[in-house]
Amino acid sequence: LGNITLTASENALTGLWFEGEEYYGKVSAKMESRPCKEHPVFSQ
């Protein structure tokens, strides 16, 4: 159904949004973010 953006903290999933969703989650500019395909939460 389209690309889904995932966000996670060290230990848990914090966001799962379809791209273009009305309230599409944005990673705060004040917080450091990093792409990480190998994160265990993302694997699960």
ModelCIF file with pLDDT and N, C-alpha, C, O atoms, coordinates in Angstrom:
data_MODEL
#
_entry.id   MODEL 
#
_entity.id                         1 
_entity.type                       polymer 
_entity.pdbx_number_of_molecules   1 
#
_entity_poly.entity_id                      1 
_entity_poly.type                           'polypeptide(L)' 
_entity_poly.nstd_linkage                   no 
_entity_poly.nstd_monomer                   no 
_entity_poly.pdbx_seq_one_letter_code       LGNITLTASENALTGLWFEGEEYYGKVSAKMESRPCKEHPVFSQ 
_entity_poly.pdbx_seq_one_letter_code_can   LGNITLTASENALTGLWFEGEEYYGKVSAKMESRPCKEHPVFSQ 
_entity_poly.pdbx_strand_id                 A 
#
loop_
_entity_poly_seq.entity_id 
_entity_poly_seq.num 
_entity_poly_seq.mon_id 
_entity_poly_seq.hetero 
1 1  LEU n 
1 2  GLY n 
1 3  ASN n 
1 4  ILE n 
1 5  THR n 
1 6  LEU n 
1 7  THR n 
1 8  ALA n 
1 9  SER n 
1 10 GLU n 
1 11 ASN n 
1 12 ALA n 
1 13 LEU n 
1 14 THR n 
1 15 GLY n 
1 16 LEU n 
1 17 TRP n 
1 18 PHE n 
1 19 GLU n 
1 20 GLY n 
1 21 GLU n 
1 22 GLU n 
1 23 TYR n 
1 24 TYR n 
1 25 GLY n 
1 26 LYS n 
1 27 VAL n 
1 28 SER n 
1 29 ALA n 
1 30 LYS n 
1 31 MET n 
1 32 GLU n 
1 33 SER n 
1 34 ARG n 
1 35 PRO n 
1 36 CYS n 
1 37 LYS n 
1 38 GLU n 
1 39 HIS n 
1 40 PRO n 
1 41 VAL n 
1 42 PHE n 
1 43 SER n 
1 44 GLN n 
#
_struct_asym.id          A 
_struct_asym.entity_id   1 
#
loop_
_ma_qa_metric.id 
_ma_qa_metric.mode 
_ma_qa_metric.name 
_ma_qa_metric.software_group_id 
_ma_qa_metric.type 
1 global pLDDT . pLDDT 
2 local  pLDDT . pLDDT 
#
_ma_qa_metric_global.metric_id      1 
_ma_qa_metric_global.metric_value   82.43 
_ma_qa_metric_global.model_id       1 
_ma_qa_metric_global.ordinal_id     1 
#
loop_
_ma_qa_metric_local.label_asym_id 
_ma_qa_metric_local.label_comp_id 
_ma_qa_metric_local.label_seq_id 
_ma_qa_metric_local.metric_id 
_ma_qa_metric_local.metric_value 
_ma_qa_metric_local.model_id 
_ma_qa_metric_local.ordinal_id 
A LEU 1  2 97.00 1 1  
A GLY 2  2 96.00 1 2  
A ASN 3  2 96.00 1 3  
A ILE 4  2 96.00 1 4  
A THR 5  2 93.00 1 5  
A LEU 6  2 94.00 1 6  
A THR 7  2 94.00 1 7  
A ALA 8  2 95.00 1 8  
A SER 9  2 94.00 1 9  
A GLU 10 2 93.00 1 10 
A ASN 11 2 95.00 1 11 
A ALA 12 2 97.00 1 12 
A LEU 13 2 97.00 1 13 
A THR 14 2 96.00 1 14 
A GLY 15 2 95.00 1 15 
A LEU 16 2 96.00 1 16 
A TRP 17 2 94.00 1 17 
A PHE 18 2 94.00 1 18 
A GLU 19 2 88.00 1 19 
A GLY 20 2 79.00 1 20 
A GLU 21 2 78.00 1 21 
A GLU 22 2 69.00 1 22 
A TYR 23 2 71.00 1 23 
A TYR 24 2 69.00 1 24 
A GLY 25 2 66.00 1 25 
A LYS 26 2 61.00 1 26 
A VAL 27 2 56.00 1 27 
A SER 28 2 53.00 1 28 
A ALA 29 2 49.00 1 29 
A LYS 30 2 50.00 1 30 
A MET 31 2 56.00 1 31 
A GLU 32 2 60.00 1 32 
A SER 33 2 68.00 1 33 
A ARG 34 2 72.00 1 34 
A PRO 35 2 70.00 1 35 
A CYS 36 2 77.00 1 36 
A LYS 37 2 71.00 1 37 
A GLU 38 2 83.00 1 38 
A HIS 39 2 88.00 1 39 
A PRO 40 2 95.00 1 40 
A VAL 41 2 97.00 1 41 
A PHE 42 2 96.00 1 42 
A SER 43 2 96.00 1 43 
A GLN 44 2 97.00 1 44 
#
loop_
_atom_site.group_PDB 
_atom_site.id 
_atom_site.type_symbol 
_atom_site.label_atom_id 
_atom_site.label_alt_id 
_atom_site.label_comp_id 
_atom_site.label_asym_id 
_atom_site.label_entity_id 
_atom_site.label_seq_id 
_atom_site.pdbx_PDB_ins_code 
_atom_site.Cartn_x 
_atom_site.Cartn_y 
_atom_site.Cartn_z 
_atom_site.occupancy 
_atom_site.B_iso_or_equiv 
_atom_site.pdbx_formal_charge 
_atom_site.auth_seq_id 
_atom_site.auth_comp_id 
_atom_site.auth_asym_id 
_atom_site.auth_atom_id 
_atom_site.pdbx_PDB_model_num 
ATOM 1   N N  . LEU A 1 1  ? 0.809  -1.216 0.000  1.00 97.00 ? 1  LEU A N  1 
ATOM 2   C CA . LEU A 1 1  ? 0.000  0.000  0.000  1.00 97.00 ? 1  LEU A CA 1 
ATOM 3   C C  . LEU A 1 1  ? 0.845  1.270  0.000  1.00 97.00 ? 1  LEU A C  1 
ATOM 4   O O  . LEU A 1 1  ? 0.321  2.369  0.184  1.00 97.00 ? 1  LEU A O  1 
ATOM 5   N N  . GLY A 1 2  ? 2.140  1.121  -0.205 1.00 96.00 ? 2  GLY A N  1 
ATOM 6   C CA . GLY A 1 2  ? 3.030  2.271  -0.240 1.00 96.00 ? 2  GLY A CA 1 
ATOM 7   C C  . GLY A 1 2  ? 4.111  2.180  0.823  1.00 96.00 ? 2  GLY A C  1 
ATOM 8   O O  . GLY A 1 2  ? 4.070  1.321  1.703  1.00 96.00 ? 2  GLY A O  1 
ATOM 9   N N  . ASN A 1 3  ? 5.072  3.078  0.725  1.00 96.00 ? 3  ASN A N  1 
ATOM 10  C CA . ASN A 1 3  ? 6.171  3.090  1.682  1.00 96.00 ? 3  ASN A CA 1 
ATOM 11  C C  . ASN A 1 3  ? 5.681  3.480  3.069  1.00 96.00 ? 3  ASN A C  1 
ATOM 12  O O  . ASN A 1 3  ? 4.796  4.320  3.228  1.00 96.00 ? 3  ASN A O  1 
ATOM 13  N N  . ILE A 1 4  ? 6.280  2.849  4.060  1.00 96.00 ? 4  ILE A N  1 
ATOM 14  C CA . ILE A 1 4  ? 5.964  3.111  5.461  1.00 96.00 ? 4  ILE A CA 1 
ATOM 15  C C  . ILE A 1 4  ? 7.256  3.530  6.154  1.00 96.00 ? 4  ILE A C  1 
ATOM 16  O O  . ILE A 1 4  ? 8.275  2.847  6.053  1.00 96.00 ? 4  ILE A O  1 
ATOM 17  N N  . THR A 1 5  ? 7.206  4.651  6.852  1.00 93.00 ? 5  THR A N  1 
ATOM 18  C CA . THR A 1 5  ? 8.343  5.112  7.630  1.00 93.00 ? 5  THR A CA 1 
ATOM 19  C C  . THR A 1 5  ? 8.234  4.549  9.040  1.00 93.00 ? 5  THR A C  1 
ATOM 20  O O  . THR A 1 5  ? 7.173  4.599  9.662  1.00 93.00 ? 5  THR A O  1 
ATOM 21  N N  . LEU A 1 6  ? 9.343  4.013  9.535  1.00 94.00 ? 6  LEU A N  1 
ATOM 22  C CA . LEU A 1 6  ? 9.423  3.468  10.883 1.00 94.00 ? 6  LEU A CA 1 
ATOM 23  C C  . LEU A 1 6  ? 10.382 4.321  11.697 1.00 94.00 ? 6  LEU A C  1 
ATOM 24  O O  . LEU A 1 6  ? 11.410 4.762  11.183 1.00 94.00 ? 6  LEU A O  1 
ATOM 25  N N  . THR A 1 7  ? 10.055 4.555  12.959 1.00 94.00 ? 7  THR A N  1 
ATOM 26  C CA . THR A 1 7  ? 10.988 5.201  13.879 1.00 94.00 ? 7  THR A CA 1 
ATOM 27  C C  . THR A 1 7  ? 11.048 4.360  15.153 1.00 94.00 ? 7  THR A C  1 
ATOM 28  O O  . THR A 1 7  ? 10.080 3.700  15.531 1.00 94.00 ? 7  THR A O  1 
ATOM 29  N N  . ALA A 1 8  ? 12.197 4.402  15.793 1.00 95.00 ? 8  ALA A N  1 
ATOM 30  C CA . ALA A 1 8  ? 12.384 3.620  17.016 1.00 95.00 ? 8  ALA A CA 1 
ATOM 31  C C  . ALA A 1 8  ? 13.346 4.328  17.952 1.00 95.00 ? 8  ALA A C  1 
ATOM 32  O O  . ALA A 1 8  ? 14.221 5.087  17.535 1.00 95.00 ? 8  ALA A O  1 
ATOM 33  N N  . SER A 1 9  ? 13.149 4.050  19.237 1.00 94.00 ? 9  SER A N  1 
ATOM 34  C CA . SER A 1 9  ? 14.119 4.439  20.254 1.00 94.00 ? 9  SER A CA 1 
ATOM 35  C C  . SER A 1 9  ? 15.136 3.296  20.322 1.00 94.00 ? 9  SER A C  1 
ATOM 36  O O  . SER A 1 9  ? 15.181 2.450  19.429 1.00 94.00 ? 9  SER A O  1 
ATOM 37  N N  . GLU A 1 10 ? 15.931 3.272  21.356 1.00 93.00 ? 10 GLU A N  1 
ATOM 38  C CA . GLU A 1 10 ? 16.891 2.176  21.533 1.00 93.00 ? 10 GLU A CA 1 
ATOM 39  C C  . GLU A 1 10 ? 16.195 0.826  21.611 1.00 93.00 ? 10 GLU A C  1 
ATOM 40  O O  . GLU A 1 10 ? 16.708 -0.175 21.111 1.00 93.00 ? 10 GLU A O  1 
ATOM 41  N N  . ASN A 1 11 ? 14.986 0.801  22.263 1.00 95.00 ? 11 ASN A N  1 
ATOM 42  C CA . ASN A 1 11 ? 14.370 -0.476 22.597 1.00 95.00 ? 11 ASN A CA 1 
ATOM 43  C C  . ASN A 1 11 ? 12.969 -0.711 22.069 1.00 95.00 ? 11 ASN A C  1 
ATOM 44  O O  . ASN A 1 11 ? 12.423 -1.796 22.271 1.00 95.00 ? 11 ASN A O  1 
ATOM 45  N N  . ALA A 1 12 ? 12.356 0.275  21.392 1.00 97.00 ? 12 ALA A N  1 
ATOM 46  C CA . ALA A 1 12 ? 10.953 0.112  21.024 1.00 97.00 ? 12 ALA A CA 1 
ATOM 47  C C  . ALA A 1 12 ? 10.603 0.914  19.774 1.00 97.00 ? 12 ALA A C  1 
ATOM 48  O O  . ALA A 1 12 ? 11.236 1.920  19.456 1.00 97.00 ? 12 ALA A O  1 
ATOM 49  N N  . LEU A 1 13 ? 9.582  0.439  19.081 1.00 97.00 ? 13 LEU A N  1 
ATOM 50  C CA . LEU A 1 13 ? 9.034  1.144  17.937 1.00 97.00 ? 13 LEU A CA 1 
ATOM 51  C C  . LEU A 1 13 ? 8.276  2.366  18.443 1.00 97.00 ? 13 LEU A C  1 
ATOM 52  O O  . LEU A 1 13 ? 7.454  2.256  19.353 1.00 97.00 ? 13 LEU A O  1 
ATOM 53  N N  . THR A 1 14 ? 8.548  3.524  17.860 1.00 96.00 ? 14 THR A N  1 
ATOM 54  C CA . THR A 1 14 ? 7.880  4.760  18.282 1.00 96.00 ? 14 THR A CA 1 
ATOM 55  C C  . THR A 1 14 ? 6.989  5.340  17.197 1.00 96.00 ? 14 THR A C  1 
ATOM 56  O O  . THR A 1 14 ? 6.152  6.195  17.487 1.00 96.00 ? 14 THR A O  1 
ATOM 57  N N  . GLY A 1 15 ? 7.144  4.898  15.956 1.00 95.00 ? 15 GLY A N  1 
ATOM 58  C CA . GLY A 1 15 ? 6.327  5.432  14.884 1.00 95.00 ? 15 GLY A CA 1 
ATOM 59  C C  . GLY A 1 15 ? 6.246  4.493  13.704 1.00 95.00 ? 15 GLY A C  1 
ATOM 60  O O  . GLY A 1 15 ? 7.199  3.781  13.388 1.00 95.00 ? 15 GLY A O  1 
ATOM 61  N N  . LEU A 1 16 ? 5.085  4.501  13.050 1.00 96.00 ? 16 LEU A N  1 
ATOM 62  C CA . LEU A 1 16 ? 4.864  3.720  11.839 1.00 96.00 ? 16 LEU A CA 1 
ATOM 63  C C  . LEU A 1 16 ? 3.803  4.465  11.043 1.00 96.00 ? 16 LEU A C  1 
ATOM 64  O O  . LEU A 1 16 ? 2.624  4.444  11.396 1.00 96.00 ? 16 LEU A O  1 
ATOM 65  N N  . TRP A 1 17 ? 4.227  5.130  9.957  1.00 94.00 ? 17 TRP A N  1 
ATOM 66  C CA . TRP A 1 17 ? 3.324  5.970  9.172  1.00 94.00 ? 17 TRP A CA 1 
ATOM 67  C C  . TRP A 1 17 ? 3.479  5.670  7.697  1.00 94.00 ? 17 TRP A C  1 
ATOM 68  O O  . TRP A 1 17 ? 4.590  5.454  7.213  1.00 94.00 ? 17 TRP A O  1 
ATOM 69  N N  . PHE A 1 18 ? 2.359  5.656  6.978  1.00 94.00 ? 18 PHE A N  1 
ATOM 70  C CA . PHE A 1 18 ? 2.432  5.648  5.521  1.00 94.00 ? 18 PHE A CA 1 
ATOM 71  C C  . PHE A 1 18 ? 2.976  7.000  5.081  1.00 94.00 ? 18 PHE A C  1 
ATOM 72  O O  . PHE A 1 18 ? 2.595  8.036  5.626  1.00 94.00 ? 18 PHE A O  1 
ATOM 73  N N  . GLU A 1 19 ? 3.854  6.989  4.109  1.00 88.00 ? 19 GLU A N  1 
ATOM 74  C CA . GLU A 1 19 ? 4.336  8.267  3.577  1.00 88.00 ? 19 GLU A CA 1 
ATOM 75  C C  . GLU A 1 19 ? 3.149  9.050  3.045  1.00 88.00 ? 19 GLU A C  1 
ATOM 76  O O  . GLU A 1 19 ? 2.284  8.501  2.362  1.00 88.00 ? 19 GLU A O  1 
ATOM 77  N N  . GLY A 1 20 ? 3.116  10.325 3.359  1.00 79.00 ? 20 GLY A N  1 
ATOM 78  C CA . GLY A 1 20 ? 2.038  11.190 2.918  1.00 79.00 ? 20 GLY A CA 1 
ATOM 79  C C  . GLY A 1 20 ? 0.812  11.150 3.810  1.00 79.00 ? 20 GLY A C  1 
ATOM 80  O O  . GLY A 1 20 ? -0.197 11.786 3.506  1.00 79.00 ? 20 GLY A O  1 
ATOM 81  N N  . GLU A 1 21 ? 0.887  10.413 4.905  1.00 78.00 ? 21 GLU A N  1 
ATOM 82  C CA . GLU A 1 21 ? -0.242 10.335 5.829  1.00 78.00 ? 21 GLU A CA 1 
ATOM 83  C C  . GLU A 1 21 ? -0.571 11.726 6.363  1.00 78.00 ? 21 GLU A C  1 
ATOM 84  O O  . GLU A 1 21 ? 0.311  12.578 6.477  1.00 78.00 ? 21 GLU A O  1 
ATOM 85  N N  . GLU A 1 22 ? -1.831 11.950 6.686  1.00 69.00 ? 22 GLU A N  1 
ATOM 86  C CA . GLU A 1 22 ? -2.281 13.274 7.130  1.00 69.00 ? 22 GLU A CA 1 
ATOM 87  C C  . GLU A 1 22 ? -1.431 13.809 8.279  1.00 69.00 ? 22 GLU A C  1 
ATOM 88  O O  . GLU A 1 22 ? -1.024 14.971 8.260  1.00 69.00 ? 22 GLU A O  1 
ATOM 89  N N  . TYR A 1 23 ? -1.165 12.978 9.269  1.00 71.00 ? 23 TYR A N  1 
ATOM 90  C CA . TYR A 1 23 ? -0.355 13.407 10.418 1.00 71.00 ? 23 TYR A CA 1 
ATOM 91  C C  . TYR A 1 23 ? 0.996  12.708 10.374 1.00 71.00 ? 23 TYR A C  1 
ATOM 92  O O  . TYR A 1 23 ? 1.489  12.205 11.383 1.00 71.00 ? 23 TYR A O  1 
ATOM 93  N N  . TYR A 1 24 ? 1.578  12.688 9.187  1.00 69.00 ? 24 TYR A N  1 
ATOM 94  C CA . TYR A 1 24 ? 2.831  11.993 8.943  1.00 69.00 ? 24 TYR A CA 1 
ATOM 95  C C  . TYR A 1 24 ? 3.869  12.382 9.988  1.00 69.00 ? 24 TYR A C  1 
ATOM 96  O O  . TYR A 1 24 ? 4.149  13.562 10.196 1.00 69.00 ? 24 TYR A O  1 
ATOM 97  N N  . GLY A 1 25 ? 4.421  11.390 10.628 1.00 66.00 ? 25 GLY A N  1 
ATOM 98  C CA . GLY A 1 25 ? 5.385  11.643 11.693 1.00 66.00 ? 25 GLY A CA 1 
ATOM 99  C C  . GLY A 1 25 ? 6.662  12.253 11.174 1.00 66.00 ? 25 GLY A C  1 
ATOM 100 O O  . GLY A 1 25 ? 7.231  11.799 10.181 1.00 66.00 ? 25 GLY A O  1 
ATOM 101 N N  . LYS A 1 26 ? 7.087  13.244 11.831 1.00 61.00 ? 26 LYS A N  1 
ATOM 102 C CA . LYS A 1 26 ? 8.345  13.897 11.493 1.00 61.00 ? 26 LYS A CA 1 
ATOM 103 C C  . LYS A 1 26 ? 9.297  13.721 12.669 1.00 61.00 ? 26 LYS A C  1 
ATOM 104 O O  . LYS A 1 26 ? 8.928  13.948 13.822 1.00 61.00 ? 26 LYS A O  1 
ATOM 105 N N  . VAL A 1 27 ? 10.507 13.318 12.367 1.00 56.00 ? 27 VAL A N  1 
ATOM 106 C CA . VAL A 1 27 ? 11.519 13.253 13.409 1.00 56.00 ? 27 VAL A CA 1 
ATOM 107 C C  . VAL A 1 27 ? 11.902 14.676 13.746 1.00 56.00 ? 27 VAL A C  1 
ATOM 108 O O  . VAL A 1 27 ? 12.238 15.461 12.860 1.00 56.00 ? 27 VAL A O  1 
ATOM 109 N N  . SER A 1 28 ? 11.854 15.006 15.005 1.00 53.00 ? 28 SER A N  1 
ATOM 110 C CA . SER A 1 28 ? 12.117 16.365 15.439 1.00 53.00 ? 28 SER A CA 1 
ATOM 111 C C  . SER A 1 28 ? 13.508 16.822 15.011 1.00 53.00 ? 28 SER A C  1 
ATOM 112 O O  . SER A 1 28 ? 14.488 16.086 15.128 1.00 53.00 ? 28 SER A O  1 
ATOM 113 N N  . ALA A 1 29 ? 13.566 18.042 14.518 1.00 49.00 ? 29 ALA A N  1 
ATOM 114 C CA . ALA A 1 29 ? 14.855 18.616 14.119 1.00 49.00 ? 29 ALA A CA 1 
ATOM 115 C C  . ALA A 1 29 ? 15.789 18.740 15.315 1.00 49.00 ? 29 ALA A C  1 
ATOM 116 O O  . ALA A 1 29 ? 17.009 18.791 15.152 1.00 49.00 ? 29 ALA A O  1 
ATOM 117 N N  . LYS A 1 30 ? 15.220 18.788 16.515 1.00 50.00 ? 30 LYS A N  1 
ATOM 118 C CA . LYS A 1 30 ? 16.041 18.919 17.718 1.00 50.00 ? 30 LYS A CA 1 
ATOM 119 C C  . LYS A 1 30 ? 16.656 17.583 18.139 1.00 50.00 ? 30 LYS A C  1 
ATOM 120 O O  . LYS A 1 30 ? 17.585 17.549 18.946 1.00 50.00 ? 30 LYS A O  1 
ATOM 121 N N  . MET A 1 31 ? 16.135 16.485 17.589 1.00 56.00 ? 31 MET A N  1 
ATOM 122 C CA . MET A 1 31 ? 16.630 15.170 17.969 1.00 56.00 ? 31 MET A CA 1 
ATOM 123 C C  . MET A 1 31 ? 17.501 14.616 16.855 1.00 56.00 ? 31 MET A C  1 
ATOM 124 O O  . MET A 1 31 ? 17.202 14.778 15.672 1.00 56.00 ? 31 MET A O  1 
ATOM 125 N N  . GLU A 1 32 ? 18.555 13.977 17.244 1.00 60.00 ? 32 GLU A N  1 
ATOM 126 C CA . GLU A 1 32 ? 19.424 13.338 16.268 1.00 60.00 ? 32 GLU A CA 1 
ATOM 127 C C  . GLU A 1 32 ? 18.747 12.055 15.787 1.00 60.00 ? 32 GLU A C  1 
ATOM 128 O O  . GLU A 1 32 ? 18.270 11.258 16.594 1.00 60.00 ? 32 GLU A O  1 
ATOM 129 N N  . SER A 1 33 ? 18.708 11.864 14.475 1.00 68.00 ? 33 SER A N  1 
ATOM 130 C CA . SER A 1 33 ? 18.136 10.642 13.934 1.00 68.00 ? 33 SER A CA 1 
ATOM 131 C C  . SER A 1 33 ? 19.157 9.980  13.010 1.00 68.00 ? 33 SER A C  1 
ATOM 132 O O  . SER A 1 33 ? 20.044 10.624 12.450 1.00 68.00 ? 33 SER A O  1 
ATOM 133 N N  . ARG A 1 34 ? 18.990 8.676  12.879 1.00 72.00 ? 34 ARG A N  1 
ATOM 134 C CA . ARG A 1 34 ? 19.939 7.936  12.057 1.00 72.00 ? 34 ARG A CA 1 
ATOM 135 C C  . ARG A 1 34 ? 19.231 6.768  11.391 1.00 72.00 ? 34 ARG A C  1 
ATOM 136 O O  . ARG A 1 34 ? 18.553 5.989  12.061 1.00 72.00 ? 34 ARG A O  1 
ATOM 137 N N  . PRO A 1 35 ? 19.386 6.637  10.052 1.00 70.00 ? 35 PRO A N  1 
ATOM 138 C CA . PRO A 1 35 ? 18.847 5.457  9.388  1.00 70.00 ? 35 PRO A CA 1 
ATOM 139 C C  . PRO A 1 35 ? 19.553 4.209  9.927  1.00 70.00 ? 35 PRO A C  1 
ATOM 140 O O  . PRO A 1 35 ? 20.761 4.215  10.163 1.00 70.00 ? 35 PRO A O  1 
ATOM 141 N N  . CYS A 1 36 ? 18.778 3.146  10.114 1.00 77.00 ? 36 CYS A N  1 
ATOM 142 C CA . CYS A 1 36 ? 19.372 1.946  10.708 1.00 77.00 ? 36 CYS A CA 1 
ATOM 143 C C  . CYS A 1 36 ? 18.522 0.724  10.361 1.00 77.00 ? 36 CYS A C  1 
ATOM 144 O O  . CYS A 1 36 ? 17.634 0.349  11.127 1.00 77.00 ? 36 CYS A O  1 
ATOM 145 N N  . LYS A 1 37 ? 18.785 0.115  9.231  1.00 71.00 ? 37 LYS A N  1 
ATOM 146 C CA . LYS A 1 37 ? 18.015 -1.060 8.811  1.00 71.00 ? 37 LYS A CA 1 
ATOM 147 C C  . LYS A 1 37 ? 18.234 -2.255 9.739  1.00 71.00 ? 37 LYS A C  1 
ATOM 148 O O  . LYS A 1 37 ? 17.365 -3.121 9.835  1.00 71.00 ? 37 LYS A O  1 
ATOM 149 N N  . GLU A 1 38 ? 19.355 -2.315 10.410 1.00 83.00 ? 38 GLU A N  1 
ATOM 150 C CA . GLU A 1 38 ? 19.696 -3.485 11.220 1.00 83.00 ? 38 GLU A CA 1 
ATOM 151 C C  . GLU A 1 38 ? 19.209 -3.404 12.662 1.00 83.00 ? 38 GLU A C  1 
ATOM 152 O O  . GLU A 1 38 ? 19.515 -4.291 13.459 1.00 83.00 ? 38 GLU A O  1 
ATOM 153 N N  . HIS A 1 39 ? 18.472 -2.381 13.008 1.00 88.00 ? 39 HIS A N  1 
ATOM 154 C CA . HIS A 1 39 ? 17.953 -2.238 14.367 1.00 88.00 ? 39 HIS A CA 1 
ATOM 155 C C  . HIS A 1 39 ? 17.052 -3.435 14.679 1.00 88.00 ? 39 HIS A C  1 
ATOM 156 O O  . HIS A 1 39 ? 16.177 -3.755 13.874 1.00 88.00 ? 39 HIS A O  1 
ATOM 157 N N  . PRO A 1 40 ? 17.237 -4.109 15.828 1.00 95.00 ? 40 PRO A N  1 
ATOM 158 C CA . PRO A 1 40 ? 16.426 -5.291 16.146 1.00 95.00 ? 40 PRO A CA 1 
ATOM 159 C C  . PRO A 1 40 ? 14.920 -5.016 16.155 1.00 95.00 ? 40 PRO A C  1 
ATOM 160 O O  . PRO A 1 40 ? 14.139 -5.884 15.766 1.00 95.00 ? 40 PRO A O  1 
ATOM 161 N N  . VAL A 1 41 ? 14.502 -3.833 16.589 1.00 97.00 ? 41 VAL A N  1 
ATOM 162 C CA . VAL A 1 41 ? 13.078 -3.503 16.597 1.00 97.00 ? 41 VAL A CA 1 
ATOM 163 C C  . VAL A 1 41 ? 12.556 -3.435 15.163 1.00 97.00 ? 41 VAL A C  1 
ATOM 164 O O  . VAL A 1 41 ? 11.429 -3.852 14.898 1.00 97.00 ? 41 VAL A O  1 
ATOM 165 N N  . PHE A 1 42 ? 13.357 -2.918 14.239 1.00 96.00 ? 42 PHE A N  1 
ATOM 166 C CA . PHE A 1 42 ? 12.929 -2.856 12.845 1.00 96.00 ? 42 PHE A CA 1 
ATOM 167 C C  . PHE A 1 42 ? 12.840 -4.250 12.239 1.00 96.00 ? 42 PHE A C  1 
ATOM 168 O O  . PHE A 1 42 ? 11.946 -4.519 11.437 1.00 96.00 ? 42 PHE A O  1 
ATOM 169 N N  . SER A 1 43 ? 13.759 -5.143 12.613 1.00 96.00 ? 43 SER A N  1 
ATOM 170 C CA . SER A 1 43 ? 13.684 -6.529 12.128 1.00 96.00 ? 43 SER A CA 1 
ATOM 171 C C  . SER A 1 43 ? 12.387 -7.177 12.583 1.00 96.00 ? 43 SER A C  1 
ATOM 172 O O  . SER A 1 43 ? 11.719 -7.844 11.793 1.00 96.00 ? 43 SER A O  1 
ATOM 173 N N  . GLN A 1 44 ? 12.020 -6.988 13.851 1.00 97.00 ? 44 GLN A N  1 
ATOM 174 C CA . GLN A 1 44 ? 10.770 -7.547 14.375 1.00 97.00 ? 44 GLN A CA 1 
ATOM 175 C C  . GLN A 1 44 ? 9.562  -6.903 13.689 1.00 97.00 ? 44 GLN A C  1 
ATOM 176 O O  . GLN A 1 44 ? 8.421  -7.246 13.999 1.00 97.00 ? 44 GLN A O  1 
#
